[in-house]
Amino acid sequence: MGLEIEKFLKDFHKKRLKIHSKMGSKFKEQFGLNPTIAFRDNKYYYLRFKKEDSKKLIEIVKPFIPLSMLYKVGGQINHGC
């Protein structure tokens, strides 16, 4: 049973890495952003963006962020004033 779980986890990690690689390619292709793939706690893959690319990414997604969440990306909230 232990070997089956180990094989499943290896396959799972390979698939996750492949997905992150495809996502990184799409960011580069469509937006000119160049993220790298990082691995954390021997469990999680995630995309990392350089400072300038992070700024570009925020500008791309900002129109879709609810007003109440803009403070998370350095935006200001207009409280109806």
C-alpha atoms as a PDB file:
ATOM      1  CA  MET A   1       0.000   0.000   0.000  1.00  0.00           C
ATOM      2  CA  GLY A   2       2.838   2.420   0.803  1.00  0.00           C
ATOM      3  CA  LEU A   3       4.367   2.043  -2.673  1.00  0.00           C
ATOM      4  CA  GLU A   4       1.030   2.767  -4.334  1.00  0.00           C
ATOM      5  CA  ILE A   5       0.666   5.999  -2.390  1.00  0.00           C
ATOM      6  CA  GLU A   6       4.254   6.985  -3.174  1.00  0.00           C
ATOM      7  CA  LYS A   7       3.691   6.365  -6.902  1.00  0.00           C
ATOM      8  CA  PHE A   8       0.434   8.335  -6.794  1.00  0.00           C
ATOM      9  CA  LEU A   9       2.171  11.292  -5.139  1.00  0.00           C
ATOM     10  CA  LYS A  10       5.021  11.269  -7.664  1.00  0.00           C
ATOM     11  CA  ASP A  11       2.549  11.226 -10.547  1.00  0.00           C
ATOM     12  CA  PHE A  12       0.512  13.965  -8.879  1.00  0.00           C
ATOM     13  CA  HIS A  13       3.595  16.190  -8.448  1.00  0.00           C
ATOM     14  CA  LYS A  14       4.631  15.644 -12.078  1.00  0.00           C
ATOM     15  CA  LYS A  15       1.174  16.684 -13.249  1.00  0.00           C
ATOM     16  CA  ARG A  16       1.166  19.764 -11.006  1.00  0.00           C
ATOM     17  CA  LEU A  17       4.600  20.772 -12.286  1.00  0.00           C
ATOM     18  CA  LYS A  18       3.378  20.365 -15.866  1.00  0.00           C
ATOM     19  CA  ILE A  19       0.313  22.515 -15.155  1.00  0.00           C
ATOM     20  CA  HIS A  20       2.427  25.262 -13.587  1.00  0.00           C
ATOM     21  CA  SER A  21       4.817  25.109 -16.522  1.00  0.00           C
ATOM     22  CA  LYS A  22       1.910  25.573 -18.953  1.00  0.00           C
ATOM     23  CA  MET A  23       0.545  28.450 -16.875  1.00  0.00           C
ATOM     24  CA  GLY A  24       3.974  30.107 -16.883  1.00  0.00           C
ATOM     25  CA  SER A  25       4.174  29.749 -20.657  1.00  0.00           C
ATOM     26  CA  LYS A  26       0.735  31.333 -21.070  1.00  0.00           C
ATOM     27  CA  PHE A  27       1.695  34.301 -18.883  1.00  0.00           C
ATOM     28  CA  LYS A  28       4.778  34.814 -21.045  1.00  0.00           C
ATOM     29  CA  GLU A  29       2.963  34.322 -24.341  1.00  0.00           C
ATOM     30  CA  GLN A  30      -0.097  36.452 -23.615  1.00  0.00           C
ATOM     31  CA  PHE A  31       1.221  39.122 -21.261  1.00  0.00           C
ATOM     32  CA  GLY A  32       5.026  39.179 -21.578  1.00  0.00           C
ATOM     33  CA  LEU A  33       5.417  38.073 -17.946  1.00  0.00           C
ATOM     34  CA  ASN A  34       8.106  35.564 -17.052  1.00  0.00           C
ATOM     35  CA  PRO A  35       7.275  33.715 -13.833  1.00  0.00           C
ATOM     36  CA  THR A  36       9.439  30.977 -12.389  1.00  0.00           C
ATOM     37  CA  ILE A  37       8.171  27.817 -10.771  1.00  0.00           C
ATOM     38  CA  ALA A  38       8.999  27.439  -7.105  1.00  0.00           C
ATOM     39  CA  PHE A  39       8.475  24.495  -4.781  1.00  0.00           C
ATOM     40  CA  ARG A  40       7.562  24.923  -1.121  1.00  0.00           C
ATOM     41  CA  ASP A  41       7.602  22.567   1.852  1.00  0.00           C
ATOM     42  CA  ASN A  42       8.220  19.582  -0.438  1.00  0.00           C
ATOM     43  CA  LYS A  43       4.520  19.808  -1.297  1.00  0.00           C
ATOM     44  CA  TYR A  44       3.470  22.846  -3.304  1.00  0.00           C
ATOM     45  CA  TYR A  45       4.397  24.345  -6.639  1.00  0.00           C
ATOM     46  CA  TYR A  46       3.658  27.994  -7.207  1.00  0.00           C
ATOM     47  CA  LEU A  47       4.511  30.729  -9.681  1.00  0.00           C
ATOM     48  CA  ARG A  48       6.869  33.498  -8.633  1.00  0.00           C
ATOM     49  CA  PHE A  49       6.966  36.841 -10.386  1.00  0.00           C
ATOM     50  CA  LYS A  50       9.753  39.402 -10.347  1.00  0.00           C
ATOM     51  CA  LYS A  51       8.879  42.782  -8.898  1.00  0.00           C
ATOM     52  CA  GLU A  52       8.269  44.464 -12.265  1.00  0.00           C
ATOM     53  CA  ASP A  53       6.237  41.518 -13.546  1.00  0.00           C
ATOM     54  CA  SER A  54       4.173  41.598 -10.350  1.00  0.00           C
ATOM     55  CA  LYS A  55       3.314  45.233 -11.013  1.00  0.00           C
ATOM     56  CA  LYS A  56       2.267  44.374 -14.582  1.00  0.00           C
ATOM     57  CA  LEU A  57       0.174  41.442 -13.352  1.00  0.00           C
ATOM     58  CA  ILE A  58      -1.628  43.644 -10.841  1.00  0.00           C
ATOM     59  CA  GLU A  59      -2.459  46.162 -13.571  1.00  0.00           C
ATOM     60  CA  ILE A  60      -3.830  43.351 -15.750  1.00  0.00           C
ATOM     61  CA  VAL A  61      -6.122  41.927 -13.057  1.00  0.00           C
ATOM     62  CA  LYS A  62      -7.007  45.188 -11.270  1.00  0.00           C
ATOM     63  CA  PRO A  63     -10.167  45.857 -13.342  1.00  0.00           C
ATOM     64  CA  PHE A  64     -11.556  42.532 -12.123  1.00  0.00           C
ATOM     65  CA  ILE A  65     -10.825  42.994  -8.418  1.00  0.00           C
ATOM     66  CA  PRO A  66     -13.845  43.895  -6.261  1.00  0.00           C
ATOM     67  CA  LEU A  67     -13.580  47.385  -4.803  1.00  0.00           C
ATOM     68  CA  SER A  68     -13.548  46.002  -1.280  1.00  0.00           C
ATOM     69  CA  MET A  69     -10.370  44.026  -2.100  1.00  0.00           C
ATOM     70  CA  LEU A  70      -8.341  46.721  -3.892  1.00  0.00           C
ATOM     71  CA  TYR A  71      -6.404  47.521  -0.732  1.00  0.00           C
ATOM     72  CA  LYS A  72      -4.669  44.146  -1.166  1.00  0.00           C
ATOM     73  CA  VAL A  73      -2.978  45.395  -4.328  1.00  0.00           C
ATOM     74  CA  GLY A  74      -2.250  48.928  -3.201  1.00  0.00           C
ATOM     75  CA  GLY A  75      -5.507  50.415  -4.480  1.00  0.00           C
ATOM     76  CA  GLN A  76      -7.685  52.783  -2.566  1.00  0.00           C
ATOM     77  CA  ILE A  77     -11.252  52.122  -1.614  1.00  0.00           C
ATOM     78  CA  ASN A  78     -13.811  54.780  -2.362  1.00  0.00           C
ATOM     79  CA  HIS A  79     -16.354  54.616   0.480  1.00  0.00           C
ATOM     80  CA  GLY A  80     -18.908  56.568  -1.519  1.00  0.00           C
ATOM     81  CA  CYS A  81     -17.436  59.934  -0.549  1.00  0.00           C
END
